[in-house]
């Protein structure tokens, strides 16, 4: 019985750790985020992995997520998000705000 409980606890902990490390890939190309809508589970920790394929740097900015990060041309940055309450969280490229727009939707 004790072995069963130990295996169950370890399994549950492993699921919690993997859930906390979910990564959502976003590519910045032609000053646009693709995908521009990212759905994540509410109340969980995750990371946006933003790859900048443009020839110039971009500043990832989100007042909703309380995040700002410069992403150099040709580089990839990991940005922590969450845990987020259910709702929509907008982000943009501060250097190209007319085209570089996106939203994280937590459900």
PDB file of N, CA and C in Angstrom:
ATOM      1  N   UNK A   1       0.826  -1.202   0.000  1.00  0.00           N
ATOM      2  CA  UNK A   1       0.000   0.000   0.000  1.00  0.00           C
ATOM      3  C   UNK A   1       0.863   1.256   0.000  1.00  0.00           C
ATOM      4  N   UNK A   2       1.923   1.260   0.811  1.00  0.00           N
ATOM      5  CA  UNK A   2       2.789   2.430   0.892  1.00  0.00           C
ATOM      6  C   UNK A   2       3.484   2.685  -0.437  1.00  0.00           C
ATOM      7  N   UNK A   3       3.902   1.624  -1.113  1.00  0.00           N
ATOM      8  CA  UNK A   3       4.550   1.783  -2.420  1.00  0.00           C
ATOM      9  C   UNK A   3       3.591   2.395  -3.427  1.00  0.00           C
ATOM     10  N   UNK A   4       2.345   1.955  -3.388  1.00  0.00           N
ATOM     11  CA  UNK A   4       1.342   2.511  -4.296  1.00  0.00           C
ATOM     12  C   UNK A   4       1.168   4.008  -4.056  1.00  0.00           C
ATOM     13  N   UNK A   5       1.072   4.404  -2.792  1.00  0.00           N
ATOM     14  CA  UNK A   5       0.912   5.824  -2.463  1.00  0.00           C
ATOM     15  C   UNK A   5       2.138   6.632  -2.877  1.00  0.00           C
ATOM     16  N   UNK A   6       3.312   6.068  -2.692  1.00  0.00           N
ATOM     17  CA  UNK A   6       4.540   6.752  -3.090  1.00  0.00           C
ATOM     18  C   UNK A   6       4.582   6.962  -4.601  1.00  0.00           C
ATOM     19  N   UNK A   7       4.228   5.942  -5.356  1.00  0.00           N
ATOM     20  CA  UNK A   7       4.196   6.052  -6.820  1.00  0.00           C
ATOM     21  C   UNK A   7       3.144   7.087  -7.244  1.00  0.00           C
ATOM     22  N   UNK A   8       2.015   7.093  -6.594  1.00  0.00           N
ATOM     23  CA  UNK A   8       0.957   8.050  -6.915  1.00  0.00           C
ATOM     24  C   UNK A   8       1.413   9.480  -6.641  1.00  0.00           C
ATOM     25  N   UNK A   9       2.037   9.704  -5.497  1.00  0.00           N
ATOM     26  CA  UNK A   9       2.524  11.047  -5.148  1.00  0.00           C
ATOM     27  C   UNK A   9       3.588  11.500  -6.138  1.00  0.00           C
ATOM     28  N   UNK A  10       4.526  10.635  -6.473  1.00  0.00           N
ATOM     29  CA  UNK A  10       5.580  10.988  -7.431  1.00  0.00           C
ATOM     30  C   UNK A  10       4.979  11.305  -8.787  1.00  0.00           C
ATOM     31  N   UNK A  11       4.011  10.531  -9.210  1.00  0.00           N
ATOM     32  CA  UNK A  11       3.345  10.774 -10.493  1.00  0.00           C
ATOM     33  C   UNK A  11       2.644  12.124 -10.508  1.00  0.00           C
ATOM     34  N   UNK A  12       1.929  12.430  -9.439  1.00  0.00           N
ATOM     35  CA  UNK A  12       1.231  13.718  -9.353  1.00  0.00           C
ATOM     36  C   UNK A  12       2.219  14.878  -9.332  1.00  0.00           C
ATOM     37  N   UNK A  13       3.311  14.743  -8.608  1.00  0.00           N
ATOM     38  CA  UNK A  13       4.330  15.798  -8.574  1.00  0.00           C
ATOM     39  C   UNK A  13       4.948  16.005  -9.948  1.00  0.00           C
ATOM     40  N   UNK A  14       5.210  14.927 -10.658  1.00  0.00           N
ATOM     41  CA  UNK A  14       5.785  15.032 -12.006  1.00  0.00           C
ATOM     42  C   UNK A  14       4.830  15.765 -12.937  1.00  0.00           C
ATOM     43  N   UNK A  15       3.541  15.504 -12.818  1.00  0.00           N
ATOM     44  CA  UNK A  15       2.558  16.202 -13.641  1.00  0.00           C
ATOM     45  C   UNK A  15       2.523  17.681 -13.305  1.00  0.00           C
ATOM     46  N   UNK A  16       2.623  18.022 -12.037  1.00  0.00           N
ATOM     47  CA  UNK A  16       2.621  19.428 -11.618  1.00  0.00           C
ATOM     48  C   UNK A  16       3.848  20.145 -12.164  1.00  0.00           C
ATOM     49  N   UNK A  17       5.000  19.520 -12.083  1.00  0.00           N
ATOM     50  CA  UNK A  17       6.231  20.150 -12.565  1.00  0.00           C
ATOM     51  C   UNK A  17       6.158  20.371 -14.061  1.00  0.00           C
ATOM     52  N   UNK A  18       5.684  19.371 -14.834  1.00  0.00           N
ATOM     53  CA  UNK A  18       5.616  19.541 -16.282  1.00  0.00           C
ATOM     54  C   UNK A  18       4.578  20.586 -16.657  1.00  0.00           C
ATOM     55  N   UNK A  19       3.470  20.644 -15.912  1.00  0.00           N
ATOM     56  CA  UNK A  19       2.448  21.643 -16.207  1.00  0.00           C
ATOM     57  C   UNK A  19       2.965  23.051 -15.939  1.00  0.00           C
ATOM     58  N   UNK A  20       3.842  23.173 -14.945  1.00  0.00           N
ATOM     59  CA  UNK A  20       4.376  24.487 -14.619  1.00  0.00           C
ATOM     60  C   UNK A  20       5.350  24.996 -15.667  1.00  0.00           C
ATOM     61  N   UNK A  21       5.803  24.138 -16.524  1.00  0.00           N
ATOM     62  CA  UNK A  21       6.829  24.519 -17.478  1.00  0.00           C
ATOM     63  C   UNK A  21       6.335  24.514 -18.912  1.00  0.00           C
ATOM     64  N   UNK A  22       5.066  24.681 -19.124  1.00  0.00           N
ATOM     65  CA  UNK A  22       4.534  24.707 -20.480  1.00  0.00           C
ATOM     66  C   UNK A  22       5.141  25.873 -21.242  1.00  0.00           C
ATOM     67  N   UNK A  23       5.511  25.625 -22.482  1.00  0.00           N
ATOM     68  CA  UNK A  23       6.079  26.664 -23.339  1.00  0.00           C
ATOM     69  C   UNK A  23       5.194  26.851 -24.560  1.00  0.00           C
ATOM     70  N   UNK A  24       5.004  28.106 -24.923  1.00  0.00           N
ATOM     71  CA  UNK A  24       4.166  28.475 -26.067  1.00  0.00           C
ATOM     72  C   UNK A  24       5.035  29.269 -27.033  1.00  0.00           C
ATOM     73  N   UNK A  25       5.286  28.709 -28.203  1.00  0.00           N
ATOM     74  CA  UNK A  25       6.205  29.286 -29.174  1.00  0.00           C
ATOM     75  C   UNK A  25       5.502  30.346 -30.016  1.00  0.00           C
ATOM     76  N   UNK A  26       6.170  31.494 -30.149  1.00  0.00           N
ATOM     77  CA  UNK A  26       5.682  32.610 -30.958  1.00  0.00           C
ATOM     78  C   UNK A  26       6.846  33.067 -31.843  1.00  0.00           C
ATOM     79  N   UNK A  27       6.566  33.280 -33.115  1.00  0.00           N
ATOM     80  CA  UNK A  27       7.593  33.751 -34.046  1.00  0.00           C
ATOM     81  C   UNK A  27       7.256  35.177 -34.450  1.00  0.00           C
ATOM     82  N   UNK A  28       8.253  36.041 -34.397  1.00  0.00           N
ATOM     83  CA  UNK A  28       8.114  37.419 -34.878  1.00  0.00           C
ATOM     84  C   UNK A  28       8.781  37.484 -36.245  1.00  0.00           C
ATOM     85  N   UNK A  29       7.983  37.745 -37.267  1.00  0.00           N
ATOM     86  CA  UNK A  29       8.504  37.827 -38.636  1.00  0.00           C
ATOM     87  C   UNK A  29       7.706  38.888 -39.379  1.00  0.00           C
ATOM     88  N   UNK A  30       8.419  39.727 -40.131  1.00  0.00           N
ATOM     89  CA  UNK A  30       7.775  40.847 -40.837  1.00  0.00           C
ATOM     90  C   UNK A  30       7.011  41.732 -39.859  1.00  0.00           C
ATOM     91  N   UNK A  31       7.554  41.872 -38.655  1.00  0.00           N
ATOM     92  CA  UNK A  31       6.980  42.716 -37.599  1.00  0.00           C
ATOM     93  C   UNK A  31       5.580  42.277 -37.201  1.00  0.00           C
ATOM     94  N   UNK A  32       5.352  40.955 -37.242  1.00  0.00           N
ATOM     95  CA  UNK A  32       4.065  40.385 -36.829  1.00  0.00           C
ATOM     96  C   UNK A  32       4.329  39.133 -35.996  1.00  0.00           C
ATOM     97  N   UNK A  33       3.520  38.944 -34.943  1.00  0.00           N
ATOM     98  CA  UNK A  33       3.608  37.741 -34.124  1.00  0.00           C
ATOM     99  C   UNK A  33       2.744  36.647 -34.734  1.00  0.00           C
ATOM    100  N   UNK A  34       3.316  35.424 -34.829  1.00  0.00           N
ATOM    101  CA  UNK A  34       2.561  34.278 -35.320  1.00  0.00           C
ATOM    102  C   UNK A  34       2.826  33.113 -34.397  1.00  0.00           C
ATOM    103  N   UNK A  35       1.834  32.516 -33.793  1.00  0.00           N
ATOM    104  CA  UNK A  35       0.453  32.944 -33.848  1.00  0.00           C
ATOM    105  C   UNK A  35       0.243  34.223 -33.044  1.00  0.00           C
ATOM    106  N   UNK A  36      -0.786  34.936 -33.381  1.00  0.00           N
ATOM    107  CA  UNK A  36      -1.068  36.175 -32.658  1.00  0.00           C
ATOM    108  C   UNK A  36      -2.001  35.930 -31.468  1.00  0.00           C
ATOM    109  N   UNK A  37      -2.614  34.744 -31.417  1.00  0.00           N
ATOM    110  CA  UNK A  37      -3.466  34.364 -30.283  1.00  0.00           C
ATOM    111  C   UNK A  37      -2.924  33.072 -29.697  1.00  0.00           C
ATOM    112  N   UNK A  38      -2.642  33.107 -28.411  1.00  0.00           N
ATOM    113  CA  UNK A  38      -2.119  31.951 -27.710  1.00  0.00           C
ATOM    114  C   UNK A  38      -3.068  31.622 -26.575  1.00  0.00           C
ATOM    115  N   UNK A  39      -3.572  30.396 -26.562  1.00  0.00           N
ATOM    116  CA  UNK A  39      -4.464  29.981 -25.484  1.00  0.00           C
ATOM    117  C   UNK A  39      -3.673  29.174 -24.468  1.00  0.00           C
ATOM    118  N   UNK A  40      -3.832  29.530 -23.190  1.00  0.00           N
ATOM    119  CA  UNK A  40      -3.137  28.852 -22.101  1.00  0.00           C
ATOM    120  C   UNK A  40      -4.145  28.475 -21.027  1.00  0.00           C
ATOM    121  N   UNK A  41      -3.821  27.461 -20.225  1.00  0.00           N
ATOM    122  CA  UNK A  41      -4.720  27.142 -19.116  1.00  0.00           C
ATOM    123  C   UNK A  41      -4.639  28.221 -18.036  1.00  0.00           C
ATOM    124  N   UNK A  42      -5.779  28.592 -17.511  1.00  0.00           N
ATOM    125  CA  UNK A  42      -5.810  29.575 -16.425  1.00  0.00           C
ATOM    126  C   UNK A  42      -5.136  28.980 -15.190  1.00  0.00           C
ATOM    127  N   UNK A  43      -4.596  29.855 -14.372  1.00  0.00           N
ATOM    128  CA  UNK A  43      -3.999  29.494 -13.085  1.00  0.00           C
ATOM    129  C   UNK A  43      -2.802  28.555 -13.200  1.00  0.00           C
ATOM    130  N   UNK A  44      -2.097  28.632 -14.332  1.00  0.00           N
ATOM    131  CA  UNK A  44      -0.891  27.814 -14.472  1.00  0.00           C
ATOM    132  C   UNK A  44       0.268  28.684 -14.944  1.00  0.00           C
ATOM    133  N   UNK A  45       1.459  28.254 -14.599  1.00  0.00           N
ATOM    134  CA  UNK A  45       2.661  28.968 -14.983  1.00  0.00           C
ATOM    135  C   UNK A  45       3.100  28.497 -16.356  1.00  0.00           C
ATOM    136  N   UNK A  46       3.525  29.427 -17.206  1.00  0.00           N
ATOM    137  CA  UNK A  46       4.012  29.062 -18.530  1.00  0.00           C
ATOM    138  C   UNK A  46       5.035  30.059 -19.033  1.00  0.00           C
ATOM    139  N   UNK A  47       5.539  29.799 -20.212  1.00  0.00           N
ATOM    140  CA  UNK A  47       6.531  30.663 -20.827  1.00  0.00           C
ATOM    141  C   UNK A  47       6.171  30.901 -22.286  1.00  0.00           C
ATOM    142  N   UNK A  48       6.274  32.150 -22.717  1.00  0.00           N
ATOM    143  CA  UNK A  48       6.241  32.454 -24.145  1.00  0.00           C
ATOM    144  C   UNK A  48       7.679  32.350 -24.623  1.00  0.00           C
ATOM    145  N   UNK A  49       7.913  31.589 -25.650  1.00  0.00           N
ATOM    146  CA  UNK A  49       9.229  31.489 -26.260  1.00  0.00           C
ATOM    147  C   UNK A  49       9.127  32.258 -27.568  1.00  0.00           C
ATOM    148  N   UNK A  50       9.701  33.466 -27.592  1.00  0.00           N
ATOM    149  CA  UNK A  50       9.554  34.374 -28.727  1.00  0.00           C
ATOM    150  C   UNK A  50      10.836  34.353 -29.563  1.00  0.00           C
ATOM    151  N   UNK A  51      10.684  33.941 -30.816  1.00  0.00           N
ATOM    152  CA  UNK A  51      11.805  33.899 -31.756  1.00  0.00           C
ATOM    153  C   UNK A  51      11.672  35.077 -32.717  1.00  0.00           C
ATOM    154  N   UNK A  52      12.670  35.937 -32.737  1.00  0.00           N
ATOM    155  CA  UNK A  52      12.664  37.109 -33.605  1.00  0.00           C
ATOM    156  C   UNK A  52      13.386  36.772 -34.905  1.00  0.00           C
ATOM    157  N   UNK A  53      12.627  36.583 -35.974  1.00  0.00           N
ATOM    158  CA  UNK A  53      13.204  36.277 -37.287  1.00  0.00           C
ATOM    159  C   UNK A  53      13.396  37.526 -38.135  1.00  0.00           C
ATOM    160  N   UNK A  54      13.114  38.697 -37.564  1.00  0.00           N
ATOM    161  CA  UNK A  54      13.315  39.959 -38.281  1.00  0.00           C
ATOM    162  C   UNK A  54      14.782  40.367 -38.228  1.00  0.00           C
ATOM    163  N   UNK A  55      15.147  41.300 -39.095  1.00  0.00           N
ATOM    164  CA  UNK A  55      16.526  41.795 -39.171  1.00  0.00           C
ATOM    165  C   UNK A  55      16.805  42.886 -38.147  1.00  0.00           C
ATOM    166  N   UNK A  56      15.796  43.247 -37.363  1.00  0.00           N
ATOM    167  CA  UNK A  56      15.971  44.288 -36.346  1.00  0.00           C
ATOM    168  C   UNK A  56      15.421  43.801 -35.010  1.00  0.00           C
ATOM    169  N   UNK A  57      15.884  44.418 -33.952  1.00  0.00           N
ATOM    170  CA  UNK A  57      15.412  44.079 -32.608  1.00  0.00           C
ATOM    171  C   UNK A  57      13.962  44.514 -32.438  1.00  0.00           C
ATOM    172  N   UNK A  58      13.297  43.874 -31.480  1.00  0.00           N
ATOM    173  CA  UNK A  58      11.929  44.249 -31.122  1.00  0.00           C
ATOM    174  C   UNK A  58      11.810  44.191 -29.609  1.00  0.00           C
ATOM    175  N   UNK A  59      10.970  45.051 -29.066  1.00  0.00           N
ATOM    176  CA  UNK A  59      10.708  45.018 -27.634  1.00  0.00           C
ATOM    177  C   UNK A  59       9.342  44.393 -27.403  1.00  0.00           C
ATOM    178  N   UNK A  60       9.334  43.212 -26.802  1.00  0.00           N
ATOM    179  CA  UNK A  60       8.091  42.587 -26.380  1.00  0.00           C
ATOM    180  C   UNK A  60       7.582  43.400 -25.205  1.00  0.00           C
ATOM    181  N   UNK A  61       6.336  43.857 -25.297  1.00  0.00           N
ATOM    182  CA  UNK A  61       5.785  44.688 -24.227  1.00  0.00           C
ATOM    183  C   UNK A  61       4.351  44.285 -23.952  1.00  0.00           C
ATOM    184  N   UNK A  62       4.028  44.146 -22.675  1.00  0.00           N
ATOM    185  CA  UNK A  62       2.661  43.857 -22.272  1.00  0.00           C
ATOM    186  C   UNK A  62       2.387  44.480 -20.913  1.00  0.00           C
ATOM    187  N   UNK A  63       1.538  45.483 -20.908  1.00  0.00           N
ATOM    188  CA  UNK A  63       1.095  46.058 -19.640  1.00  0.00           C
ATOM    189  C   UNK A  63       0.228  45.051 -18.884  1.00  0.00           C
ATOM    190  N   UNK A  64      -0.566  44.256 -19.631  1.00  0.00           N
ATOM    191  CA  UNK A  64      -1.445  43.268 -19.004  1.00  0.00           C
ATOM    192  C   UNK A  64      -0.656  42.172 -18.291  1.00  0.00           C
ATOM    193  N   UNK A  65       0.455  41.744 -18.900  1.00  0.00           N
ATOM    194  CA  UNK A  65       1.279  40.683 -18.328  1.00  0.00           C
ATOM    195  C   UNK A  65       2.407  41.231 -17.445  1.00  0.00           C
ATOM    196  N   UNK A  66       2.565  42.553 -17.453  1.00  0.00           N
ATOM    197  CA  UNK A  66       3.640  43.215 -16.701  1.00  0.00           C
ATOM    198  C   UNK A  66       5.013  42.701 -17.154  1.00  0.00           C
ATOM    199  N   UNK A  67       5.224  42.696 -18.484  1.00  0.00           N
ATOM    200  CA  UNK A  67       6.476  42.204 -19.048  1.00  0.00           C
ATOM    201  C   UNK A  67       6.988  43.129 -20.146  1.00  0.00           C
ATOM    202  N   UNK A  68       8.292  43.312 -20.168  1.00  0.00           N
ATOM    203  CA  UNK A  68       8.994  44.017 -21.244  1.00  0.00           C
ATOM    204  C   UNK A  68      10.312  43.300 -21.457  1.00  0.00           C
ATOM    205  N   UNK A  69      10.653  43.051 -22.709  1.00  0.00           N
ATOM    206  CA  UNK A  69      11.917  42.364 -22.988  1.00  0.00           C
ATOM    207  C   UNK A  69      12.357  42.692 -24.406  1.00  0.00           C
ATOM    208  N   UNK A  70      13.606  43.136 -24.543  1.00  0.00           N
ATOM    209  CA  UNK A  70      14.179  43.373 -25.863  1.00  0.00           C
ATOM    210  C   UNK A  70      14.607  42.019 -26.430  1.00  0.00           C
ATOM    211  N   UNK A  71      14.215  41.773 -27.665  1.00  0.00           N
ATOM    212  CA  UNK A  71      14.603  40.541 -28.353  1.00  0.00           C
ATOM    213  C   UNK A  71      15.421  40.947 -29.565  1.00  0.00           C
ATOM    214  N   UNK A  72      16.703  40.650 -29.524  1.00  0.00           N
ATOM    215  CA  UNK A  72      17.607  41.025 -30.605  1.00  0.00           C
ATOM    216  C   UNK A  72      17.240  40.286 -31.896  1.00  0.00           C
ATOM    217  N   UNK A  73      17.621  40.854 -33.028  1.00  0.00           N
ATOM    218  CA  UNK A  73      17.385  40.227 -34.328  1.00  0.00           C
ATOM    219  C   UNK A  73      18.007  38.835 -34.348  1.00  0.00           C
ATOM    220  N   UNK A  74      17.244  37.865 -34.823  1.00  0.00           N
ATOM    221  CA  UNK A  74      17.749  36.506 -34.939  1.00  0.00           C
ATOM    222  C   UNK A  74      17.866  35.749 -33.636  1.00  0.00           C
ATOM    223  N   UNK A  75      17.362  36.294 -32.541  1.00  0.00           N
ATOM    224  CA  UNK A  75      17.485  35.659 -31.228  1.00  0.00           C
ATOM    225  C   UNK A  75      16.130  35.173 -30.722  1.00  0.00           C
ATOM    226  N   UNK A  76      16.185  34.323 -29.712  1.00  0.00           N
ATOM    227  CA  UNK A  76      14.991  33.782 -29.071  1.00  0.00           C
ATOM    228  C   UNK A  76      15.077  34.077 -27.580  1.00  0.00           C
ATOM    229  N   UNK A  77      13.963  34.516 -27.012  1.00  0.00           N
ATOM    230  CA  UNK A  77      13.895  34.805 -25.573  1.00  0.00           C
ATOM    231  C   UNK A  77      12.699  34.082 -24.966  1.00  0.00           C
ATOM    232  N   UNK A  78      12.869  33.663 -23.715  1.00  0.00           N
ATOM    233  CA  UNK A  78      11.805  33.011 -22.965  1.00  0.00           C
ATOM    234  C   UNK A  78      11.252  34.021 -21.971  1.00  0.00           C
ATOM    235  N   UNK A  79       9.924  34.199 -21.994  1.00  0.00           N
ATOM    236  CA  UNK A  79       9.267  35.181 -21.136  1.00  0.00           C
ATOM    237  C   UNK A  79       8.257  34.455 -20.249  1.00  0.00           C
ATOM    238  N   UNK A  80       8.446  34.572 -18.947  1.00  0.00           N
ATOM    239  CA  UNK A  80       7.557  33.919 -17.983  1.00  0.00           C
ATOM    240  C   UNK A  80       6.198  34.607 -17.978  1.00  0.00           C
ATOM    241  N   UNK A  81       5.149  33.795 -18.020  1.00  0.00           N
ATOM    242  CA  UNK A  81       3.788  34.322 -17.881  1.00  0.00           C
ATOM    243  C   UNK A  81       3.044  33.454 -16.877  1.00  0.00           C
ATOM    244  N   UNK A  82       2.203  34.089 -16.106  1.00  0.00           N
ATOM    245  CA  UNK A  82       1.349  33.352 -15.207  1.00  0.00           C
ATOM    246  C   UNK A  82       1.943  33.192 -13.822  1.00  0.00           C
ATOM    247  N   UNK A  83       1.153  32.520 -12.998  1.00  0.00           N
ATOM    248  CA  UNK A  83      -0.160  31.994 -13.311  1.00  0.00           C
ATOM    249  C   UNK A  83      -1.155  33.126 -13.595  1.00  0.00           C
ATOM    250  N   UNK A  84      -1.993  32.908 -14.596  1.00  0.00           N
ATOM    251  CA  UNK A  84      -2.934  33.939 -15.055  1.00  0.00           C
ATOM    252  C   UNK A  84      -4.365  33.555 -14.700  1.00  0.00           C
ATOM    253  N   UNK A  85      -5.118  34.510 -14.224  1.00  0.00           N
ATOM    254  CA  UNK A  85      -6.556  34.313 -14.049  1.00  0.00           C
ATOM    255  C   UNK A  85      -7.190  34.237 -15.437  1.00  0.00           C
ATOM    256  N   UNK A  86      -8.356  33.650 -15.538  1.00  0.00           N
ATOM    257  CA  UNK A  86      -9.059  33.567 -16.818  1.00  0.00           C
ATOM    258  C   UNK A  86      -9.251  34.978 -17.381  1.00  0.00           C
ATOM    259  N   UNK A  87      -8.956  35.145 -18.666  1.00  0.00           N
ATOM    260  CA  UNK A  87      -9.096  36.447 -19.305  1.00  0.00           C
ATOM    261  C   UNK A  87      -8.154  36.607 -20.473  1.00  0.00           C
ATOM    262  N   UNK A  88      -8.120  37.804 -21.034  1.00  0.00           N
ATOM    263  CA  UNK A  88      -7.279  38.130 -22.182  1.00  0.00           C
ATOM    264  C   UNK A  88      -6.182  39.089 -21.756  1.00  0.00           C
ATOM    265  N   UNK A  89      -4.979  38.838 -22.268  1.00  0.00           N
ATOM    266  CA  UNK A  89      -3.799  39.620 -21.917  1.00  0.00           C
ATOM    267  C   UNK A  89      -3.087  40.023 -23.209  1.00  0.00           C
ATOM    268  N   UNK A  90      -3.140  41.290 -23.533  1.00  0.00           N
ATOM    269  CA  UNK A  90      -2.573  41.777 -24.788  1.00  0.00           C
ATOM    270  C   UNK A  90      -1.068  42.012 -24.674  1.00  0.00           C
ATOM    271  N   UNK A  91      -0.382  41.813 -25.824  1.00  0.00           N
ATOM    272  CA  UNK A  91       1.033  42.139 -25.915  1.00  0.00           C
ATOM    273  C   UNK A  91       1.307  42.731 -27.282  1.00  0.00           C
ATOM    274  N   UNK A  92       2.450  43.394 -27.419  1.00  0.00           N
ATOM    275  CA  UNK A  92       2.792  44.027 -28.692  1.00  0.00           C
ATOM    276  C   UNK A  92       4.301  44.163 -28.810  1.00  0.00           C
ATOM    277  N   UNK A  93       4.720  44.482 -30.019  1.00  0.00           N
ATOM    278  CA  UNK A  93       6.095  44.872 -30.258  1.00  0.00           C
ATOM    279  C   UNK A  93       6.147  46.389 -30.164  1.00  0.00           C
ATOM    280  N   UNK A  94       6.837  46.909 -29.175  1.00  0.00           N
ATOM    281  CA  UNK A  94       6.833  48.355 -28.927  1.00  0.00           C
ATOM    282  C   UNK A  94       7.453  49.149 -30.073  1.00  0.00           C
ATOM    283  N   UNK A  95       8.357  48.528 -30.840  1.00  0.00           N
ATOM    284  CA  UNK A  95       8.985  49.246 -31.947  1.00  0.00           C
ATOM    285  C   UNK A  95       8.117  49.229 -33.215  1.00  0.00           C
ATOM    286  N   UNK A  96       7.134  48.309 -33.277  1.00  0.00           N
ATOM    287  CA  UNK A  96       6.227  48.191 -34.429  1.00  0.00           C
ATOM    288  C   UNK A  96       4.810  47.926 -33.934  1.00  0.00           C
ATOM    289  N   UNK A  97       4.250  48.849 -33.150  1.00  0.00           N
ATOM    290  CA  UNK A  97       2.968  48.579 -32.499  1.00  0.00           C
ATOM    291  C   UNK A  97       1.779  48.465 -33.455  1.00  0.00           C
ATOM    292  N   UNK A  98       1.903  48.990 -34.666  1.00  0.00           N
ATOM    293  CA  UNK A  98       0.782  48.893 -35.606  1.00  0.00           C
ATOM    294  C   UNK A  98       0.597  47.484 -36.156  1.00  0.00           C
ATOM    295  N   UNK A  99       1.685  46.720 -36.239  1.00  0.00           N
ATOM    296  CA  UNK A  99       1.602  45.388 -36.833  1.00  0.00           C
ATOM    297  C   UNK A  99       1.895  44.257 -35.844  1.00  0.00           C
ATOM    298  N   UNK A 100       2.771  44.488 -34.902  1.00  0.00           N
ATOM    299  CA  UNK A 100       3.170  43.437 -33.958  1.00  0.00           C
ATOM    300  C   UNK A 100       2.225  43.443 -32.762  1.00  0.00           C
ATOM    301  N   UNK A 101       1.139  42.712 -32.894  1.00  0.00           N
ATOM    302  CA  UNK A 101       0.099  42.652 -31.861  1.00  0.00           C
ATOM    303  C   UNK A 101      -0.226  41.196 -31.558  1.00  0.00           C
ATOM    304  N   UNK A 102      -0.554  40.922 -30.312  1.00  0.00           N
ATOM    305  CA  UNK A 102      -0.967  39.574 -29.948  1.00  0.00           C
ATOM    306  C   UNK A 102      -1.745  39.562 -28.654  1.00  0.00           C
ATOM    307  N   UNK A 103      -2.273  38.392 -28.333  1.00  0.00           N
ATOM    308  CA  UNK A 103      -3.046  38.242 -27.107  1.00  0.00           C
ATOM    309  C   UNK A 103      -2.857  36.820 -26.560  1.00  0.00           C
ATOM    310  N   UNK A 104      -2.723  36.741 -25.245  1.00  0.00           N
ATOM    311  CA  UNK A 104      -2.728  35.469 -24.527  1.00  0.00           C
ATOM    312  C   UNK A 104      -4.115  35.345 -23.920  1.00  0.00           C
ATOM    313  N   UNK A 105      -4.774  34.221 -24.165  1.00  0.00           N
ATOM    314  CA  UNK A 105      -6.104  33.981 -23.625  1.00  0.00           C
ATOM    315  C   UNK A 105      -6.003  32.839 -22.630  1.00  0.00           C
ATOM    316  N   UNK A 106      -6.283  33.134 -21.379  1.00  0.00           N
ATOM    317  CA  UNK A 106      -6.248  32.126 -20.327  1.00  0.00           C
ATOM    318  C   UNK A 106      -7.670  31.628 -20.076  1.00  0.00           C
ATOM    319  N   UNK A 107      -7.848  30.329 -20.190  1.00  0.00           N
ATOM    320  CA  UNK A 107      -9.170  29.698 -19.971  1.00  0.00           C
ATOM    321  C   UNK A 107      -9.051  28.601 -18.937  1.00  0.00           C
TER     322      UNK A 107
END
